[in-house]
Amino acid sequence: MSVKNILTETGAWLLRGVLLCLSKLPLRFHYGCGRVLSWILKDVMHYRRELVMANLARSFPQMKFKELKKVSDRFYRHFGDIFAEAIWFGGCTDPERLRKARIVEFRGYEAFEEAFRNSPSVMLLTTHCGNWELFGGFEYYDYREDAPPVEERIRSGRIVSVYKTLSSKVWDKVMGKNRCAPLLRDNYDLYMDSTSILRYALSHRNEKLVYLFPTDQCPYKNSTVDETVDFMNQKTKTMLGGISLAHKLGMSVFYLNMTPVSRGHYEWTFTRIAEDASSMSAHDIVQTYYNMLQKDLEETPWNYLWTHNRWKK
């Protein structure tokens, strides 16, 4: 192992250790820290504040400046909560902690379960609404009174979490562990970069799997599979990898959105887009996805990652 790799591994180990210690503190404590962090990012560092306002102004041209400023302020408070919840979540190696917190509840889960039973696999197209850092607790969030035990539902070994590699190798390793904390006791190893997913899916096409695929990000610079859609009053380039894969393998496709109900409580809503993706064009699937996302953003405009340079030239 090279010196650079040793330093990366050591840095990640130390940082992960610090975050694990912090994660044991109550969620209320983290929310307090998150509120301070949101103030620092917005009012002290002015972190991407102009970009946030520009994104909002282009997305909501009907809003006046005061309305946009109000949405921006609410976004930064939410942004701080995302960090707070992500650190707390990293300590949820015992899934019971998630059950007690009831941080996520499902809507439309029965349709998803039916699709999983009847389809080759299921593609869940995720967004950067709510807190996307919580997806690693997927199988532990069903709190229905009549819900079957986790052991009778989808097991972690069948859930493939797709991600985009972070530029920092240290943070990439740290967040990989943090995002999958509840699954690590099962030796979870299906957290994989989007550039590797095609080969994996094709080689496991005979297995029934669930793919959690972030779809609202900019395409990679060297991407050869992308599409232009109408989204938030703008022509928007988008990744098409997950949708193309679902189309090729005839998967069921769902739009999965996360809406904050109150602080510390989210609803995941499963909305079917296609029972068999091969029966629709990839463009129609991705445009339907963005239509659904836009509708949600029009209802809760602050609930999105507006610091992302989504419409960069």
Protein backbone atom coordinates (compact mmCIF):
# COMPACT_ATOMS: atom_id res chain seq x y z
CA MET A 1 0.00 0.00 0.00
CA SER A 2 1.35 3.42 -0.96
CA VAL A 3 1.96 6.22 1.54
CA LYS A 4 -0.94 8.16 0.01
CA ASN A 5 -3.32 5.24 0.54
CA ILE A 6 -2.11 4.77 4.11
CA LEU A 7 -2.76 8.45 4.85
CA THR A 8 -6.22 8.21 3.28
CA GLU A 9 -7.12 5.12 5.30
CA THR A 10 -5.74 6.63 8.52
CA GLY A 11 -7.54 9.94 7.98
CA ALA A 12 -10.81 8.16 7.24
CA TRP A 13 -10.44 5.91 10.29
CA LEU A 14 -9.77 8.88 12.60
CA LEU A 15 -12.58 11.00 11.17
CA ARG A 16 -15.03 8.09 11.30
CA GLY A 17 -14.04 7.52 14.95
CA VAL A 18 -14.79 11.13 15.85
CA LEU A 19 -18.15 11.03 14.06
CA LEU A 20 -19.08 7.76 15.76
CA CYS A 21 -18.42 9.29 19.18
CA LEU A 22 -20.51 12.34 18.31
CA SER A 23 -23.30 10.18 16.89
CA LYS A 24 -24.01 8.65 20.29
CA LEU A 25 -25.30 12.00 21.54
CA PRO A 26 -29.08 12.65 21.34
CA LEU A 27 -30.55 13.89 18.09
CA ARG A 28 -31.72 17.06 19.88
CA PHE A 29 -28.07 17.94 20.55
CA HIS A 30 -27.20 17.53 16.88
CA TYR A 31 -30.12 19.73 15.84
CA GLY A 32 -28.76 22.48 18.06
CA CYS A 33 -25.35 22.16 16.42
CA GLY A 34 -27.04 22.04 13.01
CA ARG A 35 -28.79 25.34 13.66
CA VAL A 36 -25.44 26.96 14.52
CA LEU A 37 -23.88 25.43 11.42
CA SER A 38 -26.66 26.74 9.18
CA TRP A 39 -26.08 30.26 10.55
CA ILE A 40 -22.32 29.99 9.93
CA LEU A 41 -22.81 28.71 6.38
CA LYS A 42 -25.37 31.35 5.44
CA ASP A 43 -24.40 34.47 7.36
CA VAL A 44 -20.69 34.05 8.14
CA MET A 45 -19.22 32.06 5.25
CA HIS A 46 -21.93 33.06 2.73
CA TYR A 47 -21.58 29.50 1.46
CA ARG A 48 -22.92 29.43 -2.11
CA ARG A 49 -25.55 31.98 -1.12
CA GLU A 50 -25.54 33.66 -4.53
CA LEU A 51 -25.86 30.28 -6.25
CA VAL A 52 -28.81 29.34 -4.05
CA MET A 53 -30.62 32.58 -4.89
CA ALA A 54 -29.84 32.20 -8.60
CA ASN A 55 -31.13 28.63 -8.64
CA LEU A 56 -34.30 29.65 -6.84
CA ALA A 57 -34.90 32.71 -9.05
CA ARG A 58 -34.63 30.64 -12.24
CA SER A 59 -36.78 27.85 -10.81
CA PHE A 60 -39.51 30.10 -9.40
CA PRO A 61 -39.68 33.13 -11.74
CA GLN A 62 -43.08 34.09 -10.31
CA MET A 63 -41.61 34.70 -6.84
CA LYS A 64 -40.58 38.15 -5.67
CA PHE A 65 -37.22 38.77 -4.00
CA LYS A 66 -38.63 38.67 -0.46
CA GLU A 67 -40.27 35.32 -1.15
CA LEU A 68 -37.04 33.92 -2.61
CA LYS A 69 -35.09 35.17 0.40
CA LYS A 70 -37.56 33.47 2.74
CA VAL A 71 -37.20 30.18 0.86
CA SER A 72 -33.41 30.54 0.92
CA ASP A 73 -33.37 31.09 4.69
CA ARG A 74 -35.59 28.07 5.22
CA PHE A 75 -33.34 25.99 2.98
CA TYR A 76 -30.24 26.82 5.05
CA ARG A 77 -32.02 25.77 8.25
CA HIS A 78 -32.93 22.51 6.55
CA PHE A 79 -29.33 22.16 5.31
CA GLY A 80 -28.11 22.30 8.90
CA ASP A 81 -30.63 19.61 9.88
CA ILE A 82 -29.28 17.37 7.12
CA PHE A 83 -25.80 17.48 8.65
CA ALA A 84 -27.19 16.93 12.14
CA GLU A 85 -29.22 13.89 11.10
CA ALA A 86 -26.38 12.44 9.02
CA ILE A 87 -23.98 12.47 11.98
CA TRP A 88 -26.60 10.94 14.29
CA PHE A 89 -27.49 8.33 11.66
CA GLY A 90 -23.86 7.18 11.47
CA GLY A 91 -24.21 5.72 14.96
CA CYS A 92 -27.32 3.67 14.11
CA THR A 93 -25.51 0.36 13.89
CA ASP A 94 -28.37 -1.05 15.96
CA PRO A 95 -31.50 -0.72 13.80
CA GLU A 96 -33.64 -0.51 16.94
CA ARG A 97 -32.39 3.04 17.33
CA LEU A 98 -34.06 3.90 14.02
CA ARG A 99 -37.32 2.25 15.02
CA LYS A 100 -37.51 4.21 18.26
CA ALA A 101 -36.68 7.50 16.54
CA ARG A 102 -39.35 6.95 13.84
CA ILE A 103 -37.41 9.37 11.69
CA VAL A 104 -38.82 7.96 8.43
CA GLU A 105 -42.21 6.50 7.61
CA PHE A 106 -43.52 5.10 4.35
CA ARG A 107 -46.38 5.99 2.03
CA GLY A 108 -47.26 3.75 -0.89
CA TYR A 109 -45.05 0.94 0.37
CA GLU A 110 -47.63 -1.73 -0.49
CA ALA A 111 -47.33 -0.88 -4.21
CA PHE A 112 -43.58 -1.19 -3.96
CA GLU A 113 -43.84 -4.57 -2.20
CA GLU A 114 -46.18 -5.80 -4.93
CA ALA A 115 -43.78 -4.64 -7.62
CA PHE A 116 -40.91 -6.41 -5.90
CA ARG A 117 -42.85 -9.66 -5.88
CA ASN A 118 -43.90 -9.44 -9.53
CA SER A 119 -40.97 -7.76 -11.29
CA PRO A 120 -37.46 -8.94 -12.18
CA SER A 121 -36.11 -6.10 -9.99
CA VAL A 122 -37.18 -2.63 -8.86
CA MET A 123 -35.51 0.69 -9.63
CA LEU A 124 -36.19 3.43 -7.06
CA LEU A 125 -35.29 6.80 -8.56
CA THR A 126 -34.29 8.96 -5.60
CA THR A 127 -33.92 12.71 -5.22
CA HIS A 128 -32.06 15.29 -3.15
CA CYS A 129 -35.20 16.20 -1.26
CA GLY A 130 -35.48 15.56 2.48
CA ASN A 131 -32.33 13.90 3.74
CA TRP A 132 -30.81 11.54 1.19
CA GLU A 133 -28.15 10.55 3.74
CA LEU A 134 -30.77 8.36 5.45
CA PHE A 135 -31.30 5.91 2.59
CA GLY A 136 -29.06 3.33 4.27
CA GLY A 137 -31.79 2.62 6.82
CA PHE A 138 -34.23 1.62 4.08
CA GLU A 139 -35.38 -1.75 5.38
CA TYR A 140 -35.79 -0.60 8.99
CA TYR A 141 -38.25 2.26 8.45
CA ASP A 142 -41.56 0.41 8.09
CA TYR A 143 -43.51 1.21 11.27
CA ARG A 144 -46.95 -0.01 10.23
CA GLU A 145 -48.66 -1.91 13.02
CA ASP A 146 -49.31 -4.84 10.69
CA ALA A 147 -45.87 -4.72 9.09
CA PRO A 148 -44.16 -8.13 8.91
CA PRO A 149 -40.84 -8.57 10.70
CA VAL A 150 -37.76 -7.28 8.92
CA GLU A 151 -36.58 -10.86 8.42
CA GLU A 152 -39.62 -11.54 6.21
CA ARG A 153 -39.14 -8.41 4.13
CA ILE A 154 -36.39 -7.35 1.76
CA ARG A 155 -32.99 -8.11 3.23
CA SER A 156 -30.03 -5.74 3.04
CA GLY A 157 -28.21 -8.09 0.71
CA ARG A 158 -30.79 -7.32 -1.97
CA ILE A 159 -30.67 -3.53 -1.80
CA VAL A 160 -28.09 -1.86 -4.04
CA SER A 161 -27.32 1.75 -3.01
CA VAL A 162 -25.85 3.71 -5.90
CA TYR A 163 -23.78 6.84 -5.25
CA LYS A 164 -21.56 9.37 -6.97
CA THR A 165 -17.97 9.34 -5.73
CA LEU A 166 -16.95 12.37 -3.65
CA SER A 167 -13.89 14.34 -4.73
CA SER A 168 -12.22 13.82 -1.33
CA LYS A 169 -11.12 10.20 -0.94
CA VAL A 170 -11.14 10.52 2.85
CA TRP A 171 -14.71 11.84 2.98
CA ASP A 172 -15.76 9.31 0.36
CA LYS A 173 -14.69 6.46 2.63
CA VAL A 174 -16.18 8.08 5.73
CA MET A 175 -19.56 8.79 4.15
CA GLY A 176 -19.68 5.32 2.62
CA LYS A 177 -19.63 3.86 6.13
CA ASN A 178 -21.86 6.56 7.57
CA ARG A 179 -24.60 6.15 4.94
CA CYS A 180 -24.78 2.38 5.42
CA ALA A 181 -24.37 2.28 9.21
CA PRO A 182 -27.45 0.11 10.03
CA LEU A 183 -26.48 -2.40 7.34
CA LEU A 184 -22.84 -2.87 8.29
CA ARG A 185 -23.54 -5.62 10.83
CA ASP A 186 -24.79 -7.71 7.90
CA ASN A 187 -21.46 -7.20 6.08
CA TYR A 188 -23.22 -5.04 3.51
CA ASP A 189 -21.18 -4.59 0.33
CA LEU A 190 -23.68 -3.34 -2.24
CA TYR A 191 -22.92 0.37 -1.88
CA MET A 192 -21.36 1.10 -5.24
CA ASP A 193 -20.35 3.92 -7.53
CA SER A 194 -22.67 4.68 -10.43
CA THR A 195 -19.86 3.99 -12.91
CA SER A 196 -19.77 0.36 -11.75
CA ILE A 197 -23.49 -0.35 -11.59
CA LEU A 198 -24.07 -1.36 -15.22
CA ARG A 199 -21.60 -4.23 -15.10
CA TYR A 200 -22.92 -5.38 -11.73
CA ALA A 201 -26.59 -5.27 -12.78
CA LEU A 202 -25.99 -7.16 -16.02
CA SER A 203 -23.98 -9.87 -14.27
CA HIS A 204 -26.75 -10.22 -11.60
CA ARG A 205 -29.72 -9.84 -13.93
CA ASN A 206 -31.21 -13.14 -12.74
CA GLU A 207 -31.33 -11.94 -9.11
CA LYS A 208 -34.24 -9.97 -7.66
CA LEU A 209 -32.73 -6.68 -6.45
CA VAL A 210 -33.76 -3.18 -5.42
CA TYR A 211 -31.69 -0.31 -6.79
CA LEU A 212 -31.65 3.04 -4.99
CA PHE A 213 -30.49 5.33 -7.78
CA PRO A 214 -29.97 9.12 -7.38
CA THR A 215 -31.24 10.61 -10.63
CA ASP A 216 -31.42 14.40 -10.27
CA GLN A 217 -27.70 15.14 -10.48
CA CYS A 218 -25.73 16.57 -13.39
CA PRO A 219 -24.31 13.97 -15.78
CA TYR A 220 -20.62 13.17 -15.52
CA LYS A 221 -18.42 15.24 -17.86
CA ASN A 222 -17.61 12.14 -19.90
CA SER A 223 -21.16 10.78 -19.79
CA THR A 224 -22.44 9.27 -23.02
CA VAL A 225 -25.87 8.35 -21.62
CA ASP A 226 -27.80 11.49 -20.71
CA GLU A 227 -30.95 13.34 -21.70
CA THR A 228 -32.33 16.88 -21.76
CA VAL A 229 -35.65 17.40 -19.97
CA ASP A 230 -37.90 20.26 -18.91
CA PHE A 231 -37.43 20.87 -15.19
CA MET A 232 -38.14 23.93 -13.06
CA ASN A 233 -38.68 26.19 -16.08
CA GLN A 234 -35.30 25.28 -17.56
CA LYS A 235 -33.81 22.87 -20.04
CA THR A 236 -31.96 20.43 -17.81
CA LYS A 237 -29.35 17.82 -18.63
CA THR A 238 -29.79 14.70 -16.55
CA MET A 239 -28.21 11.31 -16.01
CA LEU A 240 -29.97 8.45 -17.70
CA GLY A 241 -27.91 5.51 -16.44
CA GLY A 242 -30.37 4.03 -13.93
CA ILE A 243 -33.36 4.53 -16.21
CA SER A 244 -31.59 2.99 -19.19
CA LEU A 245 -30.69 0.01 -17.04
CA ALA A 246 -34.29 -0.42 -15.84
CA HIS A 247 -35.50 -0.12 -19.44
CA LYS A 248 -33.03 -2.76 -20.64
CA LEU A 249 -33.92 -5.27 -17.90
CA GLY A 250 -37.67 -4.60 -17.73
CA MET A 251 -37.66 -3.47 -14.10
CA SER A 252 -40.49 -1.75 -12.27
CA VAL A 253 -39.64 1.92 -11.76
CA PHE A 254 -40.73 4.10 -8.85
CA TYR A 255 -40.21 7.74 -7.97
CA LEU A 256 -39.07 7.90 -4.34
CA ASN A 257 -39.40 11.25 -2.64
CA MET A 258 -38.72 12.30 0.93
CA THR A 259 -40.86 15.06 2.43
CA PRO A 260 -40.25 16.60 5.88
CA VAL A 261 -43.39 16.35 8.02
CA SER A 262 -41.81 17.94 11.07
CA ARG A 263 -38.30 18.24 12.41
CA GLY A 264 -36.88 14.75 12.72
CA HIS A 265 -39.75 13.10 10.82
CA TYR A 266 -39.91 12.38 7.10
CA GLU A 267 -42.30 10.61 4.79
CA TRP A 268 -40.97 8.49 1.95
CA THR A 269 -43.52 8.25 -0.84
CA PHE A 270 -43.30 5.44 -3.40
CA THR A 271 -44.98 6.46 -6.67
CA ARG A 272 -45.01 4.03 -9.56
CA ILE A 273 -43.77 5.35 -12.89
CA ALA A 274 -43.66 2.11 -14.88
CA GLU A 275 -44.67 -1.45 -14.12
CA ASP A 276 -42.30 -2.60 -16.86
CA ALA A 277 -39.75 0.02 -17.90
CA SER A 278 -39.23 -1.66 -21.27
CA SER A 279 -42.78 -0.61 -22.22
CA MET A 280 -41.85 3.10 -22.01
CA SER A 281 -39.09 5.12 -23.63
CA ALA A 282 -36.25 6.21 -21.38
CA HIS A 283 -37.10 9.85 -22.17
CA ASP A 284 -40.73 9.43 -21.06
CA ILE A 285 -39.63 7.78 -17.81
CA VAL A 286 -37.10 10.47 -16.91
CA GLN A 287 -39.48 13.30 -17.88
CA THR A 288 -42.19 11.75 -15.68
CA TYR A 289 -39.69 11.56 -12.84
CA TYR A 290 -38.81 15.25 -13.19
CA ASN A 291 -42.46 16.25 -13.49
CA MET A 292 -43.12 14.55 -10.14
CA LEU A 293 -40.06 16.15 -8.57
CA GLN A 294 -41.08 19.60 -9.81
CA LYS A 295 -44.57 19.17 -8.37
CA ASP A 296 -43.06 18.34 -4.97
CA LEU A 297 -40.69 21.32 -5.11
CA GLU A 298 -43.55 23.66 -5.95
CA GLU A 299 -45.23 22.51 -2.73
CA THR A 300 -42.09 22.69 -0.52
CA PRO A 301 -39.58 24.85 -2.45
CA TRP A 302 -36.96 24.88 0.31
CA ASN A 303 -36.77 21.07 0.40
CA TYR A 304 -34.00 20.55 -2.13
CA LEU A 305 -30.22 20.75 -2.47
CA TRP A 306 -30.12 24.27 -3.88
CA THR A 307 -26.37 24.61 -3.20
CA HIS A 308 -25.76 22.14 -6.02
CA ASN A 309 -24.76 23.85 -9.27
CA ARG A 310 -27.45 21.87 -11.07
CA TRP A 311 -27.66 24.06 -14.17
CA LYS A 312 -24.00 24.75 -14.77
CA LYS A 313 -23.00 25.44 -18.36
